[in-house]
């Protein structure tokens, strides 16, 4: 069957200007996309610029086209899975996002993105993996590996040509990538070119770390989103000089004329009140089924896409209502319950174990689904949403917060390990960088923010909250107007979370002295 050729991309004027500005910066760094001439990376001062625009302005399209041009020019893609070390003069590109979910949004569009953590902490591979990786990357001879037949090697090669994923190639050959990883270490060598998506989520410390690692850094961000909590409404790309900021001002309507994007951009009107905005939502719902004025929260949807709220008290009440609706026991979790990673609780002497857990995707804010108890006390089997290798077991501390109670109830607790909060509802701040097919926004909380009259960077807080919340929806927005919960239509389950074919399944073992 003949695969149809991809249609050529036509940029708008502002996209073309931004593309030219990035290619000029790359040319100054020794990467000429016009002639596909690559010079060795220099040791000069690092270069940082930003491409800024609201939802629908074409940031992701621009990032994807720049990635394709760099790969076509011979720049190696660093994904965190594998990194050839044979050619010291090679030029490299890493495409990063703050969370696994944000990275998975790019991967679903054909862009090989990984998380910032996954680049900072790199795997150490067994020698036989080195030879296999060099061969698949086109830098070595076909290896002779006792554990792999010629047919298995051919399957691995065919998979890698399509997806550029070493763990996926191994899985296609019937092997587990974890069998070849002997440990993890913090990166001690600098990298070359870095693209960072969802850069509105970066705090100053992360930004400084990235500037140390990359000689050329391009940030892609949305100025209408919420800044990190500790930064007083400022985003890191706003600290750059004006000539280092490329603004995408034109909003490209999608082929299906998304009413969700129309609502998001209506919030830019300084005269728009909350009541007027709700009338706009009601009018959109009357003419398009992709917008719903919902009278209640749907419990079924909460299992995979959390209700988005502003206030913590609302979040806790909705979580308790969700657990009650599914008859969850007070002292245990049901398979299929959603969790949010709240960090890793390990002492300094277990730094390697922390790196192991973070490298598998258990970083603060990661979305996780509980699959059941592990084989050892205190362990849980988990599915990390958006991670390339999502399913494994780890020592867990699960906290269930209760309304009016200062201390959470803890149904599962290892002595130390990854900590989790329930994820049936999350704050809009925590939802940044994520997208779901269906999104429920708890409107009474947005109204409360409007009544409070708070401002952030000169914009009413309720408008920023509403903008971020509704742009998390890929297909359908449910604007929930009442504090009611609909009964679930089926029992809670994890049957929809089969590990992908190219996924590794690994139980993260504790050191003996953790028990």
Protein backbone atom coordinates (compact mmCIF):
# COMPACT_ATOMS: atom_id res chain seq x y z
CA UNK A 1 0.00 0.00 0.00
CA UNK A 2 1.37 3.41 -0.94
CA UNK A 3 1.55 5.92 1.92
CA UNK A 4 0.29 9.33 0.75
CA UNK A 5 2.89 12.10 0.91
CA UNK A 6 2.50 14.58 3.71
CA UNK A 7 1.00 17.88 2.66
CA UNK A 8 3.48 20.78 2.68
CA UNK A 9 3.06 23.14 5.61
CA UNK A 10 2.15 26.76 4.90
CA UNK A 11 3.17 29.11 7.69
CA UNK A 12 1.35 32.30 8.60
CA UNK A 13 3.45 35.47 8.59
CA UNK A 14 4.17 35.35 12.32
CA UNK A 15 5.00 31.62 12.18
CA UNK A 16 7.37 32.20 9.26
CA UNK A 17 9.04 35.05 11.14
CA UNK A 18 9.48 32.88 14.25
CA UNK A 19 10.80 29.97 12.14
CA UNK A 20 13.35 32.27 10.49
CA UNK A 21 14.43 33.66 13.87
CA UNK A 22 15.02 30.17 15.29
CA UNK A 23 16.89 29.02 12.16
CA UNK A 24 19.06 32.16 12.37
CA UNK A 25 19.92 31.33 15.99
CA UNK A 26 20.73 27.76 14.96
CA UNK A 27 22.88 29.03 12.09
CA UNK A 28 24.84 31.17 14.54
CA UNK A 29 25.34 28.01 16.62
CA UNK A 30 26.72 26.11 13.61
CA UNK A 31 23.59 24.34 12.34
CA UNK A 32 22.52 25.58 8.91
CA UNK A 33 19.11 24.18 7.99
CA UNK A 34 19.23 25.69 4.47
CA UNK A 35 22.44 23.95 3.39
CA UNK A 36 22.20 21.09 5.95
CA UNK A 37 25.78 21.95 6.95
CA UNK A 38 26.67 21.05 10.54
CA UNK A 39 29.71 22.47 12.26
CA UNK A 40 31.07 21.12 15.59
CA UNK A 41 29.45 22.64 18.67
CA UNK A 42 31.40 25.64 19.96
CA UNK A 43 32.21 26.60 23.51
CA UNK A 44 30.75 30.08 23.36
CA UNK A 45 28.04 31.70 25.47
CA UNK A 46 24.70 29.89 25.55
CA UNK A 47 21.80 31.25 23.47
CA UNK A 48 18.20 31.39 24.76
CA UNK A 49 15.08 32.50 22.90
CA UNK A 50 11.34 31.94 23.20
CA UNK A 51 8.38 31.32 20.88
CA UNK A 52 5.29 32.60 22.68
CA UNK A 53 1.63 32.29 21.76
CA UNK A 54 -1.79 31.36 23.04
CA UNK A 55 -3.59 28.08 22.38
CA UNK A 56 -4.19 27.62 18.65
CA UNK A 57 -1.39 29.98 17.57
CA UNK A 58 0.66 27.15 16.03
CA UNK A 59 3.48 26.67 18.57
CA UNK A 60 3.33 22.87 18.38
CA UNK A 61 3.27 22.91 14.57
CA UNK A 62 6.31 25.18 14.55
CA UNK A 63 8.17 22.97 17.02
CA UNK A 64 7.37 19.87 14.96
CA UNK A 65 8.55 21.44 11.70
CA UNK A 66 11.80 22.63 13.30
CA UNK A 67 12.37 19.11 14.65
CA UNK A 68 11.83 17.60 11.19
CA UNK A 69 14.25 20.10 9.60
CA UNK A 70 16.95 19.42 12.21
CA UNK A 71 16.61 15.66 11.83
CA UNK A 72 16.76 15.97 8.03
CA UNK A 73 19.95 18.03 8.39
CA UNK A 74 21.59 15.16 10.29
CA UNK A 75 21.15 16.37 13.87
CA UNK A 76 20.86 13.41 16.29
CA UNK A 77 17.78 13.25 18.51
CA UNK A 78 18.51 12.67 22.21
CA UNK A 79 15.48 11.04 23.81
CA UNK A 80 16.79 9.79 27.14
CA UNK A 81 16.49 6.18 25.91
CA UNK A 82 19.76 6.04 24.04
CA UNK A 83 22.61 8.39 23.24
CA UNK A 84 25.47 7.44 20.91
CA UNK A 85 28.85 8.53 22.23
CA UNK A 86 31.03 7.59 19.26
CA UNK A 87 31.04 10.92 17.47
CA UNK A 88 32.08 13.75 19.76
CA UNK A 89 31.44 16.35 17.04
CA UNK A 90 27.86 15.31 16.35
CA UNK A 91 25.08 17.87 16.83
CA UNK A 92 22.11 16.88 18.96
CA UNK A 93 18.56 17.98 19.75
CA UNK A 94 16.49 17.13 22.83
CA UNK A 95 12.77 17.96 22.94
CA UNK A 96 11.57 18.35 26.51
CA UNK A 97 8.41 18.90 28.54
CA UNK A 98 8.00 19.34 32.31
CA UNK A 99 5.79 16.24 32.79
CA UNK A 100 5.25 12.82 31.22
CA UNK A 101 1.70 13.80 30.22
CA UNK A 102 2.92 16.95 28.45
CA UNK A 103 5.66 14.93 26.69
CA UNK A 104 3.12 12.31 25.62
CA UNK A 105 0.98 15.02 23.95
CA UNK A 106 3.95 15.78 21.68
CA UNK A 107 4.79 12.10 21.13
CA UNK A 108 1.21 11.51 19.96
CA UNK A 109 1.92 14.08 17.24
CA UNK A 110 5.09 12.34 16.08
CA UNK A 111 7.57 14.47 18.03
CA UNK A 112 10.01 12.37 20.14
CA UNK A 113 9.67 14.33 23.37
CA UNK A 114 10.85 13.29 26.81
CA UNK A 115 10.77 14.87 30.28
CA UNK A 116 13.31 17.26 31.73
CA UNK A 117 14.04 14.72 34.48
CA UNK A 118 14.69 11.99 31.92
CA UNK A 119 17.40 14.11 30.27
CA UNK A 120 19.03 15.23 33.52
CA UNK A 121 19.22 11.63 34.79
CA UNK A 122 20.54 9.24 32.16
CA UNK A 123 20.62 5.43 32.19
CA UNK A 124 23.80 3.38 32.35
CA UNK A 125 23.56 0.44 29.95
CA UNK A 126 25.16 -2.99 29.84
CA UNK A 127 27.91 -3.41 27.16
CA UNK A 128 25.73 -5.53 24.83
CA UNK A 129 23.14 -2.77 24.75
CA UNK A 130 25.82 -0.28 23.68
CA UNK A 131 26.57 -2.30 20.55
CA UNK A 132 22.89 -2.78 19.74
CA UNK A 133 22.15 0.90 20.24
CA UNK A 134 25.03 2.00 18.00
CA UNK A 135 23.86 -0.36 15.24
CA UNK A 136 20.25 0.80 15.39
CA UNK A 137 21.40 4.43 15.34
CA UNK A 138 23.47 3.72 12.20
CA UNK A 139 26.86 4.07 13.89
CA UNK A 140 28.02 0.46 14.15
CA UNK A 141 28.02 -3.05 12.78
CA UNK A 142 25.16 -5.49 13.25
CA UNK A 143 25.80 -7.05 16.67
CA UNK A 144 25.89 -10.71 17.61
CA UNK A 145 23.84 -11.04 20.81
CA UNK A 146 23.24 -14.46 22.28
CA UNK A 147 19.78 -13.52 23.55
CA UNK A 148 18.59 -12.28 20.13
CA UNK A 149 18.01 -14.26 16.93
CA UNK A 150 18.51 -12.71 13.50
CA UNK A 151 14.73 -12.42 13.20
CA UNK A 152 14.55 -10.61 16.54
CA UNK A 153 17.28 -8.21 15.44
CA UNK A 154 15.38 -7.53 12.22
CA UNK A 155 12.20 -6.75 14.20
CA UNK A 156 14.13 -4.41 16.50
CA UNK A 157 15.66 -2.63 13.50
CA UNK A 158 12.32 -2.22 11.71
CA UNK A 159 10.68 -0.82 14.85
CA UNK A 160 13.52 1.65 15.51
CA UNK A 161 13.37 3.05 11.98
CA UNK A 162 9.75 4.04 12.61
CA UNK A 163 9.79 5.12 16.25
CA UNK A 164 13.41 5.84 17.31
CA UNK A 165 12.76 4.15 20.67
CA UNK A 166 15.32 1.68 22.00
CA UNK A 167 13.03 0.19 24.69
CA UNK A 168 10.32 -0.16 22.03
CA UNK A 169 12.75 -1.85 19.62
CA UNK A 170 13.76 -4.32 22.32
CA UNK A 171 10.13 -5.01 23.19
CA UNK A 172 9.42 -5.67 19.49
CA UNK A 173 12.23 -8.24 19.65
CA UNK A 174 10.72 -9.87 22.73
CA UNK A 175 13.16 -8.41 25.27
CA UNK A 176 12.83 -5.99 28.18
CA UNK A 177 14.88 -2.82 28.02
CA UNK A 178 15.22 -2.91 31.81
CA UNK A 179 17.36 -6.04 31.40
CA UNK A 180 20.02 -3.83 29.80
CA UNK A 181 19.93 -0.92 32.29
CA UNK A 182 22.40 -1.29 35.16
CA UNK A 183 21.69 2.04 36.89
CA UNK A 184 21.09 5.78 36.52
CA UNK A 185 23.36 8.79 36.87
CA UNK A 186 23.05 12.56 36.73
CA UNK A 187 24.21 13.93 33.41
CA UNK A 188 27.76 15.23 33.65
CA UNK A 189 28.20 16.27 30.00
CA UNK A 190 26.49 19.29 28.44
CA UNK A 191 24.01 18.94 25.60
CA UNK A 192 23.58 20.92 22.41
CA UNK A 193 20.12 22.16 21.27
CA UNK A 194 17.07 21.98 23.52
CA UNK A 195 13.41 22.69 22.71
CA UNK A 196 11.22 23.03 25.83
CA UNK A 197 7.43 22.84 25.42
CA UNK A 198 4.97 24.08 28.09
CA UNK A 199 7.71 26.40 29.37
CA UNK A 200 5.15 28.47 31.32
CA UNK A 201 5.49 25.67 33.91
CA UNK A 202 9.24 26.21 34.40
CA UNK A 203 10.44 27.80 37.61
CA UNK A 204 13.65 29.84 37.86
CA UNK A 205 15.71 26.91 39.20
CA UNK A 206 14.69 24.60 36.33
CA UNK A 207 15.42 27.38 33.85
CA UNK A 208 18.91 27.87 35.29
CA UNK A 209 19.57 24.11 35.14
CA UNK A 210 18.50 23.97 31.49
CA UNK A 211 20.75 26.93 30.59
CA UNK A 212 23.68 25.07 32.15
CA UNK A 213 22.97 21.89 30.15
CA UNK A 214 22.08 23.32 26.71
CA UNK A 215 24.16 25.68 24.60
CA UNK A 216 21.11 26.63 22.48
CA UNK A 217 17.72 26.69 24.19
CA UNK A 218 14.34 27.49 22.62
CA UNK A 219 11.32 27.84 24.92
CA UNK A 220 7.76 27.36 23.64
CA UNK A 221 5.15 28.81 25.99
CA UNK A 222 1.70 30.27 26.48
CA UNK A 223 1.66 33.66 28.29
CA UNK A 224 -2.03 33.27 29.21
CA UNK A 225 -1.45 30.25 31.43
CA UNK A 226 -0.71 30.24 35.16
CA UNK A 227 2.84 30.91 36.29
CA UNK A 228 4.51 28.59 38.85
CA UNK A 229 3.16 29.23 42.34
CA UNK A 230 6.48 30.54 43.68
CA UNK A 231 7.05 33.12 40.94
CA UNK A 232 4.47 35.87 41.59
CA UNK A 233 2.79 35.54 38.21
CA UNK A 234 6.00 35.80 36.15
CA UNK A 235 7.09 33.22 33.57
CA UNK A 236 10.74 32.57 32.77
CA UNK A 237 10.43 33.52 29.08
CA UNK A 238 9.13 36.95 30.09
CA UNK A 239 12.56 37.72 31.56
CA UNK A 240 14.20 37.47 28.12
CA UNK A 241 14.97 40.62 26.07
CA UNK A 242 12.26 41.55 23.58
CA UNK A 243 14.47 40.65 20.61
CA UNK A 244 14.70 37.09 21.99
CA UNK A 245 10.90 36.67 22.11
CA UNK A 246 8.97 35.66 18.99
CA UNK A 247 5.26 36.35 19.45
CA UNK A 248 2.66 34.27 17.59
CA UNK A 249 -0.37 36.56 17.59
CA UNK A 250 -2.52 34.98 14.90
CA UNK A 251 -4.92 32.28 16.14
CA UNK A 252 -5.37 29.46 13.64
CA UNK A 253 -8.86 28.05 13.75
CA UNK A 254 -8.77 24.28 13.61
CA UNK A 255 -10.18 22.45 10.59
CA UNK A 256 -13.26 21.62 12.66
CA UNK A 257 -13.62 25.19 14.06
CA UNK A 258 -13.18 24.30 17.72
CA UNK A 259 -15.71 26.09 19.95
CA UNK A 260 -13.42 25.38 22.90
CA UNK A 261 -10.65 27.51 21.41
CA UNK A 262 -13.18 30.25 20.62
CA UNK A 263 -14.20 30.34 24.28
CA UNK A 264 -10.57 30.38 25.44
CA UNK A 265 -9.71 33.38 23.30
CA UNK A 266 -12.87 35.26 24.24
CA UNK A 267 -11.31 35.57 27.72
CA UNK A 268 -8.82 38.10 26.32
CA UNK A 269 -11.60 40.72 26.22
CA UNK A 270 -10.89 43.00 29.22
CA UNK A 271 -14.61 43.91 29.45
CA UNK A 272 -15.79 40.30 29.70
CA UNK A 273 -17.45 39.45 33.03
CA UNK A 274 -17.89 35.98 34.51
CA UNK A 275 -21.64 36.03 33.90
CA UNK A 276 -21.14 37.09 30.28
CA UNK A 277 -18.63 34.29 29.81
CA UNK A 278 -21.07 31.71 31.17
CA UNK A 279 -23.69 32.96 28.72
CA UNK A 280 -21.17 32.43 25.92
CA UNK A 281 -20.62 28.86 27.11
CA UNK A 282 -24.38 28.28 27.21
CA UNK A 283 -24.75 29.61 23.66
CA UNK A 284 -21.85 27.43 22.45
CA UNK A 285 -23.42 24.37 24.10
CA UNK A 286 -26.74 25.05 22.33
CA UNK A 287 -25.11 24.86 18.89
CA UNK A 288 -22.21 22.41 19.38
CA UNK A 289 -22.17 19.11 21.28
CA UNK A 290 -18.47 19.56 22.06
CA UNK A 291 -19.44 22.06 24.75
CA UNK A 292 -21.76 20.94 27.56
CA UNK A 293 -23.43 22.98 30.30
CA UNK A 294 -23.41 20.15 32.83
CA UNK A 295 -25.64 20.11 35.91
CA UNK A 296 -23.41 17.59 37.70
CA UNK A 297 -19.97 16.02 37.70
CA UNK A 298 -19.73 12.68 35.86
CA UNK A 299 -18.08 10.09 38.13
CA UNK A 300 -17.11 7.84 35.20
CA UNK A 301 -14.96 10.55 33.63
CA UNK A 302 -13.16 11.32 36.90
CA UNK A 303 -11.41 7.94 36.83
CA UNK A 304 -9.22 8.99 33.88
CA UNK A 305 -9.56 12.78 33.56
CA UNK A 306 -9.80 14.65 36.86
CA UNK A 307 -12.28 17.39 37.61
CA UNK A 308 -10.41 20.70 37.46
CA UNK A 309 -10.90 22.98 40.47
CA UNK A 310 -9.36 26.08 42.03
CA UNK A 311 -9.78 25.42 45.76
CA UNK A 312 -8.22 22.55 47.71
CA UNK A 313 -11.37 22.14 49.80
CA UNK A 314 -13.39 21.52 46.62
CA UNK A 315 -10.81 19.02 45.42
CA UNK A 316 -11.00 16.99 48.64
CA UNK A 317 -14.81 16.97 48.72
CA UNK A 318 -15.02 15.78 45.10
CA UNK A 319 -12.49 13.01 45.74
CA UNK A 320 -14.52 11.73 48.68
CA UNK A 321 -17.70 11.87 46.62
CA UNK A 322 -15.96 9.91 43.83
CA UNK A 323 -14.77 7.18 46.21
CA UNK A 324 -18.21 6.95 47.76
CA UNK A 325 -19.88 6.67 44.36
CA UNK A 326 -17.71 3.64 43.50
CA UNK A 327 -18.14 2.07 46.97
CA UNK A 328 -14.40 2.23 47.60
CA UNK A 329 -13.48 0.78 51.02
CA UNK A 330 -12.25 3.28 53.59
CA UNK A 331 -9.02 1.36 54.20
CA UNK A 332 -7.95 0.36 50.68
CA UNK A 333 -7.83 1.46 47.04
CA UNK A 334 -9.72 -0.10 44.17
CA UNK A 335 -7.85 -1.03 40.97
CA UNK A 336 -8.40 1.84 38.57
CA UNK A 337 -8.36 4.67 41.14
CA UNK A 338 -6.38 7.68 39.88
CA UNK A 339 -3.46 9.09 41.88
CA UNK A 340 -1.12 12.08 41.65
CA UNK A 341 2.55 11.68 42.61
CA UNK A 342 3.37 14.11 45.42
CA UNK A 343 7.11 13.46 45.42
CA UNK A 344 9.64 10.91 46.67
CA UNK A 345 10.32 10.42 50.39
CA UNK A 346 13.77 8.88 50.62
CA UNK A 347 16.81 9.88 52.72
CA UNK A 348 19.94 11.18 51.02
CA UNK A 349 21.74 7.82 51.29
CA UNK A 350 19.13 6.34 48.90
CA UNK A 351 19.80 8.90 46.17
CA UNK A 352 20.13 6.17 43.51
CA UNK A 353 16.71 4.78 44.40
CA UNK A 354 15.21 8.28 44.06
CA UNK A 355 16.80 8.60 40.61
CA UNK A 356 15.40 5.17 39.65
CA UNK A 357 11.85 6.17 40.62
CA UNK A 358 12.04 9.61 38.99
CA UNK A 359 13.50 8.14 35.82
CA UNK A 360 10.48 5.82 35.57
CA UNK A 361 8.20 8.88 35.65
CA UNK A 362 7.37 9.24 39.36
CA UNK A 363 8.04 12.95 39.57
CA UNK A 364 5.90 15.46 41.45
CA UNK A 365 2.62 15.99 39.63
CA UNK A 366 2.76 12.76 37.58
CA UNK A 367 -0.64 11.16 36.92
CA UNK A 368 -0.80 7.53 38.01
CA UNK A 369 -3.45 4.80 38.03
CA UNK A 370 -3.44 2.26 40.86
CA UNK A 371 -3.46 -1.30 39.48
CA UNK A 372 -3.36 -3.27 42.73
CA UNK A 373 -1.02 -4.27 45.57
CA UNK A 374 2.55 -5.33 44.78
CA UNK A 375 4.10 -8.63 45.79
CA UNK A 376 5.81 -7.07 48.82
CA UNK A 377 4.29 -5.17 51.76
CA UNK A 378 3.97 -1.46 51.04
CA UNK A 379 4.38 -1.91 47.28
CA UNK A 380 1.76 -0.89 44.70
CA UNK A 381 1.46 -1.82 41.05
CA UNK A 382 1.17 1.41 39.09
CA UNK A 383 0.49 2.79 35.61
CA UNK A 384 2.21 6.17 35.03
CA UNK A 385 0.05 8.06 32.52
CA UNK A 386 1.99 9.28 29.50
CA UNK A 387 5.23 7.45 30.34
CA UNK A 388 6.76 5.38 27.54
CA UNK A 389 7.20 2.44 29.96
CA UNK A 390 4.19 2.96 32.21
CA UNK A 391 3.67 -0.16 34.34
CA UNK A 392 5.78 -1.28 37.29
CA UNK A 393 5.58 -1.70 41.06
CA UNK A 394 7.13 0.59 43.64
CA UNK A 395 7.20 1.26 47.37
CA UNK A 396 4.28 3.65 47.90
CA UNK A 397 2.80 5.98 50.48
CA UNK A 398 -0.79 6.78 49.48
CA UNK A 399 -2.54 9.66 51.26
CA UNK A 400 -6.31 10.08 51.19
CA UNK A 401 -7.26 13.57 52.37
CA UNK A 402 -10.47 13.95 54.35
CA UNK A 403 -12.72 17.05 54.57
CA UNK A 404 -12.04 18.99 57.76
CA UNK A 405 -9.11 16.77 58.77
CA UNK A 406 -5.57 18.13 58.92
CA UNK A 407 -3.93 14.70 58.66
CA UNK A 408 -4.70 12.45 55.67
CA UNK A 409 -5.72 8.80 56.00
CA UNK A 410 -2.99 6.46 54.68
CA UNK A 411 -4.33 3.11 53.41
CA UNK A 412 -0.96 2.00 51.96
CA UNK A 413 2.43 2.90 53.35
CA UNK A 414 5.92 1.62 52.83
CA UNK A 415 8.45 3.06 55.25
CA UNK A 416 9.66 5.25 52.41
CA UNK A 417 9.19 5.59 48.66
CA UNK A 418 6.90 7.45 46.25
CA UNK A 419 4.08 9.43 47.85
CA UNK A 420 0.67 9.90 46.24
CA UNK A 421 -2.48 11.95 46.65
CA UNK A 422 -5.79 10.94 45.10
CA UNK A 423 -6.25 12.19 41.55
CA UNK A 424 -10.01 12.17 40.84
CA UNK A 425 -9.88 15.97 41.12
CA UNK A 426 -6.87 18.27 40.78
CA UNK A 427 -6.21 21.97 40.94
CA UNK A 428 -6.00 23.83 37.65
CA UNK A 429 -2.37 24.70 38.47
CA UNK A 430 -1.51 20.98 38.59
CA UNK A 431 -3.37 20.33 35.31
CA UNK A 432 -1.09 22.56 33.23
CA UNK A 433 0.76 20.68 30.52
CA UNK A 434 -1.88 17.94 30.40
CA UNK A 435 -4.71 17.32 27.97
CA UNK A 436 -7.64 14.94 28.07
CA UNK A 437 -10.28 14.10 25.50
CA UNK A 438 -13.06 15.17 27.91
CA UNK A 439 -12.51 17.79 30.60
CA UNK A 440 -14.85 18.72 33.44
CA UNK A 441 -14.36 22.20 34.88
CA UNK A 442 -15.99 22.93 38.23
CA UNK A 443 -17.50 26.34 37.49
CA UNK A 444 -18.46 27.31 41.10
CA UNK A 445 -14.73 27.52 41.86
CA UNK A 446 -14.09 29.81 38.88
CA UNK A 447 -17.00 31.98 40.09
CA UNK A 448 -15.43 32.10 43.58
CA UNK A 449 -12.16 33.34 42.05
CA UNK A 450 -14.10 36.02 40.15
CA UNK A 451 -15.85 37.10 43.36
CA UNK A 452 -12.49 37.29 45.16
CA UNK A 453 -11.32 39.90 42.63
CA UNK A 454 -7.75 38.62 42.59
CA UNK A 455 -5.37 39.62 39.81
CA UNK A 456 -2.28 37.84 38.43
CA UNK A 457 0.20 39.79 36.30
CA UNK A 458 -2.49 42.36 35.53
CA UNK A 459 -5.14 39.84 34.46
CA UNK A 460 -8.10 38.69 36.61
CA UNK A 461 -7.19 35.35 38.15
CA UNK A 462 -10.54 33.80 37.18
CA UNK A 463 -9.76 34.41 33.50
CA UNK A 464 -6.37 32.71 33.76
CA UNK A 465 -7.97 29.79 35.60
CA UNK A 466 -10.75 29.46 33.03
CA UNK A 467 -8.31 29.72 30.11
CA UNK A 468 -6.00 26.99 31.43
CA UNK A 469 -8.89 24.73 32.44
CA UNK A 470 -10.84 24.79 29.19
CA UNK A 471 -7.74 24.49 26.97
CA UNK A 472 -6.99 21.13 28.65
CA UNK A 473 -9.92 19.70 26.63
CA UNK A 474 -9.02 18.04 23.32
CA UNK A 475 -12.55 17.11 22.19
CA UNK A 476 -15.24 18.01 24.72
CA UNK A 477 -15.62 20.56 27.50
CA UNK A 478 -18.08 20.01 30.34
CA UNK A 479 -18.71 23.23 32.29
CA UNK A 480 -20.13 21.91 35.56
CA UNK A 481 -22.46 24.44 37.18
CA UNK A 482 -23.63 22.56 40.30
CA UNK A 483 -22.01 20.66 43.16
CA UNK A 484 -23.64 17.36 42.28
CA UNK A 485 -22.17 13.98 41.33
CA UNK A 486 -23.75 11.58 38.84
CA UNK A 487 -23.74 7.88 39.65
CA UNK A 488 -21.18 5.76 37.76
CA UNK A 489 -22.50 3.53 34.99
CA UNK A 490 -20.00 0.69 35.60
CA UNK A 491 -17.68 -0.53 38.39
CA UNK A 492 -14.20 0.97 38.59
CA UNK A 493 -11.61 -1.07 36.67
CA UNK A 494 -8.07 -0.99 35.29
CA UNK A 495 -8.88 -3.20 32.29
CA UNK A 496 -8.39 -0.27 29.89
CA UNK A 497 -4.74 0.09 30.95
CA UNK A 498 -3.08 -2.83 29.24
CA UNK A 499 0.62 -2.09 28.92
CA UNK A 500 1.44 -1.14 25.29
CA UNK A 501 3.26 -3.76 23.25
CA UNK A 502 6.49 -1.80 23.45
CA UNK A 503 6.24 -1.29 27.20
CA UNK A 504 8.58 -2.71 29.79
CA UNK A 505 7.16 -4.17 32.99
CA UNK A 506 9.53 -3.86 35.92
CA UNK A 507 9.17 -4.10 39.67
CA UNK A 508 11.39 -1.44 41.21
CA UNK A 509 13.09 -3.32 44.02
CA UNK A 510 13.97 -1.71 47.31
CA UNK A 511 17.45 -1.95 48.75
CA UNK A 512 17.61 -4.44 51.60
CA UNK A 513 18.02 -1.69 54.19
CA UNK A 514 14.75 -0.02 53.14
CA UNK A 515 12.71 -2.82 54.65
